[in-house]
Amino acid sequence: MDKKHGDQTIHQKMEAISKDIVDKEIPLDDTLKEFEKVCLEAALKKYKGNITKIAKALGVHRNTLHNRIKVLRIKKI
């Protein structure tokens, strides 16, 4: 899971972000929701709003994906 992206691995990038989150005392629940929202927005953009493709890529059922998009108030493309 330590795929290279630029000069840093994903793990290294997440460590840096996590330090900032902890330093600012942002609640874990808020952090996880925001991370999920950012990931889903990126997937919606990449797959041009195709829920079936996004669900397959992320390994979730499309009904679950629809629900998460609604709960997180993400605007579909």
PDB file of N, CA and C in Angstrom:
ATOM      1  N   MET A   1       0.811  -1.201   0.000  1.00  0.00           N
ATOM      2  CA  MET A   1       0.000   0.000   0.000  1.00  0.00           C
ATOM      3  C   MET A   1       0.854   1.265   0.000  1.00  0.00           C
ATOM      4  N   ASP A   2       2.137   1.104   0.079  1.00  0.00           N
ATOM      5  CA  ASP A   2       3.031   2.256   0.031  1.00  0.00           C
ATOM      6  C   ASP A   2       3.406   2.598  -1.397  1.00  0.00           C
ATOM      7  N   LYS A   3       2.408   2.858  -2.238  1.00  0.00           N
ATOM      8  CA  LYS A   3       2.672   3.208  -3.629  1.00  0.00           C
ATOM      9  C   LYS A   3       3.345   4.565  -3.687  1.00  0.00           C
ATOM     10  N   LYS A   4       4.302   4.674  -4.592  1.00  0.00           N
ATOM     11  CA  LYS A   4       5.010   5.945  -4.777  1.00  0.00           C
ATOM     12  C   LYS A   4       4.135   6.921  -5.552  1.00  0.00           C
ATOM     13  N   HIS A   5       4.136   8.138  -5.130  1.00  0.00           N
ATOM     14  CA  HIS A   5       3.415   9.203  -5.825  1.00  0.00           C
ATOM     15  C   HIS A   5       4.297  10.434  -5.690  1.00  0.00           C
ATOM     16  N   GLY A   6       5.043  10.710  -6.717  1.00  0.00           N
ATOM     17  CA  GLY A   6       6.022  11.780  -6.602  1.00  0.00           C
ATOM     18  C   GLY A   6       7.200  11.247  -5.810  1.00  0.00           C
ATOM     19  N   ASP A   7       7.744  12.054  -4.921  1.00  0.00           N
ATOM     20  CA  ASP A   7       8.886  11.625  -4.121  1.00  0.00           C
ATOM     21  C   ASP A   7       8.467  10.945  -2.822  1.00  0.00           C
ATOM     22  N   GLN A   8       7.214  11.096  -2.416  1.00  0.00           N
ATOM     23  CA  GLN A   8       6.740  10.523  -1.159  1.00  0.00           C
ATOM     24  C   GLN A   8       5.749   9.400  -1.416  1.00  0.00           C
ATOM     25  N   THR A   9       5.702   8.441  -0.493  1.00  0.00           N
ATOM     26  CA  THR A   9       4.692   7.393  -0.582  1.00  0.00           C
ATOM     27  C   THR A   9       3.372   7.956  -0.059  1.00  0.00           C
ATOM     28  N   ILE A  10       2.298   7.268  -0.365  1.00  0.00           N
ATOM     29  CA  ILE A  10       0.992   7.674   0.146  1.00  0.00           C
ATOM     30  C   ILE A  10       1.028   7.704   1.676  1.00  0.00           C
ATOM     31  N   HIS A  11       1.679   6.719   2.267  1.00  0.00           N
ATOM     32  CA  HIS A  11       1.777   6.648   3.727  1.00  0.00           C
ATOM     33  C   HIS A  11       2.475   7.895   4.285  1.00  0.00           C
ATOM     34  N   GLN A  12       3.562   8.298   3.662  1.00  0.00           N
ATOM     35  CA  GLN A  12       4.294   9.483   4.126  1.00  0.00           C
ATOM     36  C   GLN A  12       3.447  10.745   4.010  1.00  0.00           C
ATOM     37  N   LYS A  13       2.709  10.860   2.910  1.00  0.00           N
ATOM     38  CA  LYS A  13       1.838  12.018   2.744  1.00  0.00           C
ATOM     39  C   LYS A  13       0.740  12.042   3.803  1.00  0.00           C
ATOM     40  N   MET A  14       0.176  10.862   4.074  1.00  0.00           N
ATOM     41  CA  MET A  14      -0.886  10.790   5.085  1.00  0.00           C
ATOM     42  C   MET A  14      -0.344  11.060   6.483  1.00  0.00           C
ATOM     43  N   GLU A  15       0.889  10.657   6.753  1.00  0.00           N
ATOM     44  CA  GLU A  15       1.506  10.971   8.044  1.00  0.00           C
ATOM     45  C   GLU A  15       1.607  12.478   8.241  1.00  0.00           C
ATOM     46  N   ALA A  16       2.014  13.189   7.201  1.00  0.00           N
ATOM     47  CA  ALA A  16       2.146  14.644   7.286  1.00  0.00           C
ATOM     48  C   ALA A  16       0.785  15.299   7.522  1.00  0.00           C
ATOM     49  N   ILE A  17      -0.218  14.852   6.794  1.00  0.00           N
ATOM     50  CA  ILE A  17      -1.569  15.386   6.971  1.00  0.00           C
ATOM     51  C   ILE A  17      -2.086  15.064   8.373  1.00  0.00           C
ATOM     52  N   SER A  18      -1.835  13.833   8.830  1.00  0.00           N
ATOM     53  CA  SER A  18      -2.303  13.412  10.156  1.00  0.00           C
ATOM     54  C   SER A  18      -1.684  14.251  11.259  1.00  0.00           C
ATOM     55  N   LYS A  19      -0.407  14.582  11.121  1.00  0.00           N
ATOM     56  CA  LYS A  19       0.246  15.424  12.127  1.00  0.00           C
ATOM     57  C   LYS A  19      -0.456  16.773  12.217  1.00  0.00           C
ATOM     58  N   ASP A  20      -0.780  17.343  11.078  1.00  0.00           N
ATOM     59  CA  ASP A  20      -1.468  18.632  11.041  1.00  0.00           C
ATOM     60  C   ASP A  20      -2.852  18.525  11.695  1.00  0.00           C
ATOM     61  N   ILE A  21      -3.555  17.445  11.408  1.00  0.00           N
ATOM     62  CA  ILE A  21      -4.892  17.221  11.976  1.00  0.00           C
ATOM     63  C   ILE A  21      -4.816  17.117  13.501  1.00  0.00           C
ATOM     64  N   VAL A  22      -3.841  16.348  13.981  1.00  0.00           N
ATOM     65  CA  VAL A  22      -3.669  16.177  15.429  1.00  0.00           C
ATOM     66  C   VAL A  22      -3.255  17.496  16.075  1.00  0.00           C
ATOM     67  N   ASP A  23      -2.318  18.213  15.444  1.00  0.00           N
ATOM     68  CA  ASP A  23      -1.875  19.508  15.981  1.00  0.00           C
ATOM     69  C   ASP A  23      -3.035  20.491  16.119  1.00  0.00           C
ATOM     70  N   LYS A  24      -3.966  20.441  15.164  1.00  0.00           N
ATOM     71  CA  LYS A  24      -5.116  21.353  15.186  1.00  0.00           C
ATOM     72  C   LYS A  24      -6.287  20.795  15.989  1.00  0.00           C
ATOM     73  N   GLU A  25      -6.107  19.588  16.542  1.00  0.00           N
ATOM     74  CA  GLU A  25      -7.117  18.919  17.370  1.00  0.00           C
ATOM     75  C   GLU A  25      -8.464  18.795  16.665  1.00  0.00           C
ATOM     76  N   ILE A  26      -8.414  18.386  15.406  1.00  0.00           N
ATOM     77  CA  ILE A  26      -9.638  18.161  14.637  1.00  0.00           C
ATOM     78  C   ILE A  26     -10.170  16.776  15.001  1.00  0.00           C
ATOM     79  N   PRO A  27     -11.446  16.658  15.380  1.00  0.00           N
ATOM     80  CA  PRO A  27     -12.004  15.360  15.770  1.00  0.00           C
ATOM     81  C   PRO A  27     -11.885  14.314  14.659  1.00  0.00           C
ATOM     82  N   LEU A  28     -11.616  13.089  15.049  1.00  0.00           N
ATOM     83  CA  LEU A  28     -11.435  11.999  14.098  1.00  0.00           C
ATOM     84  C   LEU A  28     -12.660  11.828  13.203  1.00  0.00           C
ATOM     85  N   ASP A  29     -13.846  11.939  13.766  1.00  0.00           N
ATOM     86  CA  ASP A  29     -15.066  11.788  12.973  1.00  0.00           C
ATOM     87  C   ASP A  29     -15.126  12.810  11.844  1.00  0.00           C
ATOM     88  N   ASP A  30     -14.799  14.054  12.159  1.00  0.00           N
ATOM     89  CA  ASP A  30     -14.783  15.110  11.136  1.00  0.00           C
ATOM     90  C   ASP A  30     -13.726  14.823  10.075  1.00  0.00           C
ATOM     91  N   THR A  31     -12.574  14.354  10.523  1.00  0.00           N
ATOM     92  CA  THR A  31     -11.477  14.033   9.614  1.00  0.00           C
ATOM     93  C   THR A  31     -11.876  12.924   8.650  1.00  0.00           C
ATOM     94  N   LEU A  32     -12.471  11.860   9.171  1.00  0.00           N
ATOM     95  CA  LEU A  32     -12.861  10.731   8.333  1.00  0.00           C
ATOM     96  C   LEU A  32     -13.940  11.118   7.327  1.00  0.00           C
ATOM     97  N   LYS A  33     -14.916  11.906   7.776  1.00  0.00           N
ATOM     98  CA  LYS A  33     -15.969  12.357   6.860  1.00  0.00           C
ATOM     99  C   LYS A  33     -15.392  13.208   5.736  1.00  0.00           C
ATOM    100  N   GLU A  34     -14.486  14.103   6.084  1.00  0.00           N
ATOM    101  CA  GLU A  34     -13.891  14.980   5.068  1.00  0.00           C
ATOM    102  C   GLU A  34     -13.032  14.176   4.091  1.00  0.00           C
ATOM    103  N   PHE A  35     -12.285  13.206   4.610  1.00  0.00           N
ATOM    104  CA  PHE A  35     -11.467  12.356   3.743  1.00  0.00           C
ATOM    105  C   PHE A  35     -12.350  11.562   2.781  1.00  0.00           C
ATOM    106  N   GLU A  36     -13.427  10.986   3.319  1.00  0.00           N
ATOM    107  CA  GLU A  36     -14.349  10.223   2.481  1.00  0.00           C
ATOM    108  C   GLU A  36     -14.963  11.118   1.398  1.00  0.00           C
ATOM    109  N   LYS A  37     -15.343  12.325   1.783  1.00  0.00           N
ATOM    110  CA  LYS A  37     -15.953  13.260   0.833  1.00  0.00           C
ATOM    111  C   LYS A  37     -14.968  13.619  -0.278  1.00  0.00           C
ATOM    112  N   VAL A  38     -13.730  13.905   0.078  1.00  0.00           N
ATOM    113  CA  VAL A  38     -12.713  14.265  -0.913  1.00  0.00           C
ATOM    114  C   VAL A  38     -12.461  13.091  -1.869  1.00  0.00           C
ATOM    115  N   CYS A  39     -12.374  11.882  -1.328  1.00  0.00           N
ATOM    116  CA  CYS A  39     -12.155  10.695  -2.165  1.00  0.00           C
ATOM    117  C   CYS A  39     -13.319  10.468  -3.127  1.00  0.00           C
ATOM    118  N   LEU A  40     -14.544  10.595  -2.623  1.00  0.00           N
ATOM    119  CA  LEU A  40     -15.705  10.384  -3.481  1.00  0.00           C
ATOM    120  C   LEU A  40     -15.820  11.463  -4.547  1.00  0.00           C
ATOM    121  N   GLU A  41     -15.498  12.696  -4.201  1.00  0.00           N
ATOM    122  CA  GLU A  41     -15.525  13.773  -5.198  1.00  0.00           C
ATOM    123  C   GLU A  41     -14.488  13.516  -6.293  1.00  0.00           C
ATOM    124  N   ALA A  42     -13.314  13.041  -5.904  1.00  0.00           N
ATOM    125  CA  ALA A  42     -12.274  12.725  -6.889  1.00  0.00           C
ATOM    126  C   ALA A  42     -12.716  11.583  -7.798  1.00  0.00           C
ATOM    127  N   ALA A  43     -13.350  10.566  -7.210  1.00  0.00           N
ATOM    128  CA  ALA A  43     -13.829   9.430  -7.992  1.00  0.00           C
ATOM    129  C   ALA A  43     -14.950   9.857  -8.940  1.00  0.00           C
ATOM    130  N   LEU A  44     -15.851  10.707  -8.458  1.00  0.00           N
ATOM    131  CA  LEU A  44     -16.929  11.206  -9.325  1.00  0.00           C
ATOM    132  C   LEU A  44     -16.354  11.942 -10.533  1.00  0.00           C
ATOM    133  N   LYS A  45     -15.306  12.713 -10.290  1.00  0.00           N
ATOM    134  CA  LYS A  45     -14.683  13.455 -11.375  1.00  0.00           C
ATOM    135  C   LYS A  45     -13.972  12.493 -12.342  1.00  0.00           C
ATOM    136  N   LYS A  46     -13.208  11.562 -11.791  1.00  0.00           N
ATOM    137  CA  LYS A  46     -12.440  10.628 -12.625  1.00  0.00           C
ATOM    138  C   LYS A  46     -13.348   9.778 -13.510  1.00  0.00           C
ATOM    139  N   TYR A  47     -14.428   9.267 -12.926  1.00  0.00           N
ATOM    140  CA  TYR A  47     -15.327   8.371 -13.658  1.00  0.00           C
ATOM    141  C   TYR A  47     -16.550   9.096 -14.231  1.00  0.00           C
ATOM    142  N   LYS A  48     -16.474  10.427 -14.260  1.00  0.00           N
ATOM    143  CA  LYS A  48     -17.520  11.267 -14.855  1.00  0.00           C
ATOM    144  C   LYS A  48     -18.912  10.940 -14.314  1.00  0.00           C
ATOM    145  N   GLY A  49     -18.976  10.699 -13.004  1.00  0.00           N
ATOM    146  CA  GLY A  49     -20.256  10.473 -12.343  1.00  0.00           C
ATOM    147  C   GLY A  49     -20.828   9.077 -12.503  1.00  0.00           C
ATOM    148  N   ASN A  50     -20.111   8.150 -13.130  1.00  0.00           N
ATOM    149  CA  ASN A  50     -20.607   6.791 -13.338  1.00  0.00           C
ATOM    150  C   ASN A  50     -20.513   6.008 -12.029  1.00  0.00           C
ATOM    151  N   ILE A  51     -21.637   5.924 -11.337  1.00  0.00           N
ATOM    152  CA  ILE A  51     -21.698   5.295 -10.013  1.00  0.00           C
ATOM    153  C   ILE A  51     -21.264   3.833 -10.049  1.00  0.00           C
ATOM    154  N   THR A  52     -21.648   3.102 -11.084  1.00  0.00           N
ATOM    155  CA  THR A  52     -21.277   1.693 -11.186  1.00  0.00           C
ATOM    156  C   THR A  52     -19.762   1.531 -11.252  1.00  0.00           C
ATOM    157  N   LYS A  53     -19.102   2.348 -12.062  1.00  0.00           N
ATOM    158  CA  LYS A  53     -17.637   2.275 -12.170  1.00  0.00           C
ATOM    159  C   LYS A  53     -16.956   2.698 -10.870  1.00  0.00           C
ATOM    160  N   ILE A  54     -17.487   3.727 -10.244  1.00  0.00           N
ATOM    161  CA  ILE A  54     -16.911   4.197  -8.981  1.00  0.00           C
ATOM    162  C   ILE A  54     -17.047   3.115  -7.907  1.00  0.00           C
ATOM    163  N   ALA A  55     -18.226   2.534  -7.803  1.00  0.00           N
ATOM    164  CA  ALA A  55     -18.461   1.489  -6.808  1.00  0.00           C
ATOM    165  C   ALA A  55     -17.498   0.322  -7.010  1.00  0.00           C
ATOM    166  N   LYS A  56     -17.302  -0.079  -8.246  1.00  0.00           N
ATOM    167  CA  LYS A  56     -16.384  -1.182  -8.532  1.00  0.00           C
ATOM    168  C   LYS A  56     -14.950  -0.801  -8.157  1.00  0.00           C
ATOM    169  N   ALA A  57     -14.531   0.405  -8.537  1.00  0.00           N
ATOM    170  CA  ALA A  57     -13.167   0.865  -8.253  1.00  0.00           C
ATOM    171  C   ALA A  57     -12.894   0.963  -6.754  1.00  0.00           C
ATOM    172  N   LEU A  58     -13.908   1.382  -5.993  1.00  0.00           N
ATOM    173  CA  LEU A  58     -13.734   1.567  -4.549  1.00  0.00           C
ATOM    174  C   LEU A  58     -14.110   0.332  -3.735  1.00  0.00           C
ATOM    175  N   GLY A  59     -14.671  -0.669  -4.390  1.00  0.00           N
ATOM    176  CA  GLY A  59     -15.012  -1.913  -3.701  1.00  0.00           C
ATOM    177  C   GLY A  59     -16.206  -1.799  -2.776  1.00  0.00           C
ATOM    178  N   VAL A  60     -17.187  -0.995  -3.171  1.00  0.00           N
ATOM    179  CA  VAL A  60     -18.413  -0.866  -2.383  1.00  0.00           C
ATOM    180  C   VAL A  60     -19.612  -1.099  -3.296  1.00  0.00           C
ATOM    181  N   HIS A  61     -20.733  -1.438  -2.701  1.00  0.00           N
ATOM    182  CA  HIS A  61     -21.957  -1.631  -3.479  1.00  0.00           C
ATOM    183  C   HIS A  61     -22.447  -0.260  -3.933  1.00  0.00           C
ATOM    184  N   ARG A  62     -23.026  -0.196  -5.123  1.00  0.00           N
ATOM    185  CA  ARG A  62     -23.473   1.103  -5.651  1.00  0.00           C
ATOM    186  C   ARG A  62     -24.560   1.736  -4.795  1.00  0.00           C
ATOM    187  N   ASN A  63     -25.402   0.931  -4.142  1.00  0.00           N
ATOM    188  CA  ASN A  63     -26.418   1.502  -3.248  1.00  0.00           C
ATOM    189  C   ASN A  63     -25.753   2.180  -2.041  1.00  0.00           C
ATOM    190  N   THR A  64     -24.694   1.557  -1.540  1.00  0.00           N
ATOM    191  CA  THR A  64     -23.935   2.153  -0.436  1.00  0.00           C
ATOM    192  C   THR A  64     -23.320   3.469  -0.890  1.00  0.00           C
ATOM    193  N   LEU A  65     -22.786   3.470  -2.098  1.00  0.00           N
ATOM    194  CA  LEU A  65     -22.176   4.674  -2.652  1.00  0.00           C
ATOM    195  C   LEU A  65     -23.206   5.796  -2.788  1.00  0.00           C
ATOM    196  N   HIS A  66     -24.376   5.479  -3.318  1.00  0.00           N
ATOM    197  CA  HIS A  66     -25.458   6.480  -3.423  1.00  0.00           C
ATOM    198  C   HIS A  66     -25.782   7.058  -2.043  1.00  0.00           C
ATOM    199  N   ASN A  67     -25.870   6.182  -1.051  1.00  0.00           N
ATOM    200  CA  ASN A  67     -26.197   6.617   0.310  1.00  0.00           C
ATOM    201  C   ASN A  67     -25.119   7.538   0.869  1.00  0.00           C
ATOM    202  N   ARG A  68     -23.846   7.172   0.684  1.00  0.00           N
ATOM    203  CA  ARG A  68     -22.748   7.992   1.216  1.00  0.00           C
ATOM    204  C   ARG A  68     -22.723   9.364   0.531  1.00  0.00           C
ATOM    205  N   ILE A  69     -22.971   9.396  -0.766  1.00  0.00           N
ATOM    206  CA  ILE A  69     -23.009  10.655  -1.504  1.00  0.00           C
ATOM    207  C   ILE A  69     -24.120  11.554  -0.949  1.00  0.00           C
ATOM    208  N   LYS A  70     -25.257  10.943  -0.654  1.00  0.00           N
ATOM    209  CA  LYS A  70     -26.390  11.701  -0.097  1.00  0.00           C
ATOM    210  C   LYS A  70     -26.078  12.194   1.305  1.00  0.00           C
ATOM    211  N   VAL A  71     -25.571  11.321   2.156  1.00  0.00           N
ATOM    212  CA  VAL A  71     -25.267  11.671   3.546  1.00  0.00           C
ATOM    213  C   VAL A  71     -24.213  12.773   3.622  1.00  0.00           C
ATOM    214  N   LEU A  72     -23.198  12.692   2.761  1.00  0.00           N
ATOM    215  CA  LEU A  72     -22.112  13.667   2.766  1.00  0.00           C
ATOM    216  C   LEU A  72     -22.441  14.931   1.968  1.00  0.00           C
ATOM    217  N   ARG A  73     -23.639  14.949   1.365  1.00  0.00           N
ATOM    218  CA  ARG A  73     -24.113  16.095   0.588  1.00  0.00           C
ATOM    219  C   ARG A  73     -23.157  16.476  -0.534  1.00  0.00           C
ATOM    220  N   ILE A  74     -22.774  15.455  -1.289  1.00  0.00           N
ATOM    221  CA  ILE A  74     -21.885  15.651  -2.427  1.00  0.00           C
ATOM    222  C   ILE A  74     -22.745  15.883  -3.665  1.00  0.00           C
ATOM    223  N   LYS A  75     -22.400  16.900  -4.416  1.00  0.00           N
ATOM    224  CA  LYS A  75     -23.125  17.177  -5.655  1.00  0.00           C
ATOM    225  C   LYS A  75     -22.584  16.280  -6.752  1.00  0.00           C
ATOM    226  N   LYS A  76     -23.494  15.570  -7.402  1.00  0.00           N
ATOM    227  CA  LYS A  76     -23.105  14.696  -8.499  1.00  0.00           C
ATOM    228  C   LYS A  76     -22.767  15.525  -9.727  1.00  0.00           C
ATOM    229  N   ILE A  77     -21.948  14.950 -10.560  1.00  0.00           N
ATOM    230  CA  ILE A  77     -21.543  15.627 -11.801  1.00  0.00           C
ATOM    231  C   ILE A  77     -22.648  15.487 -12.819  1.00  0.00           C
TER     232      ILE A  77
END
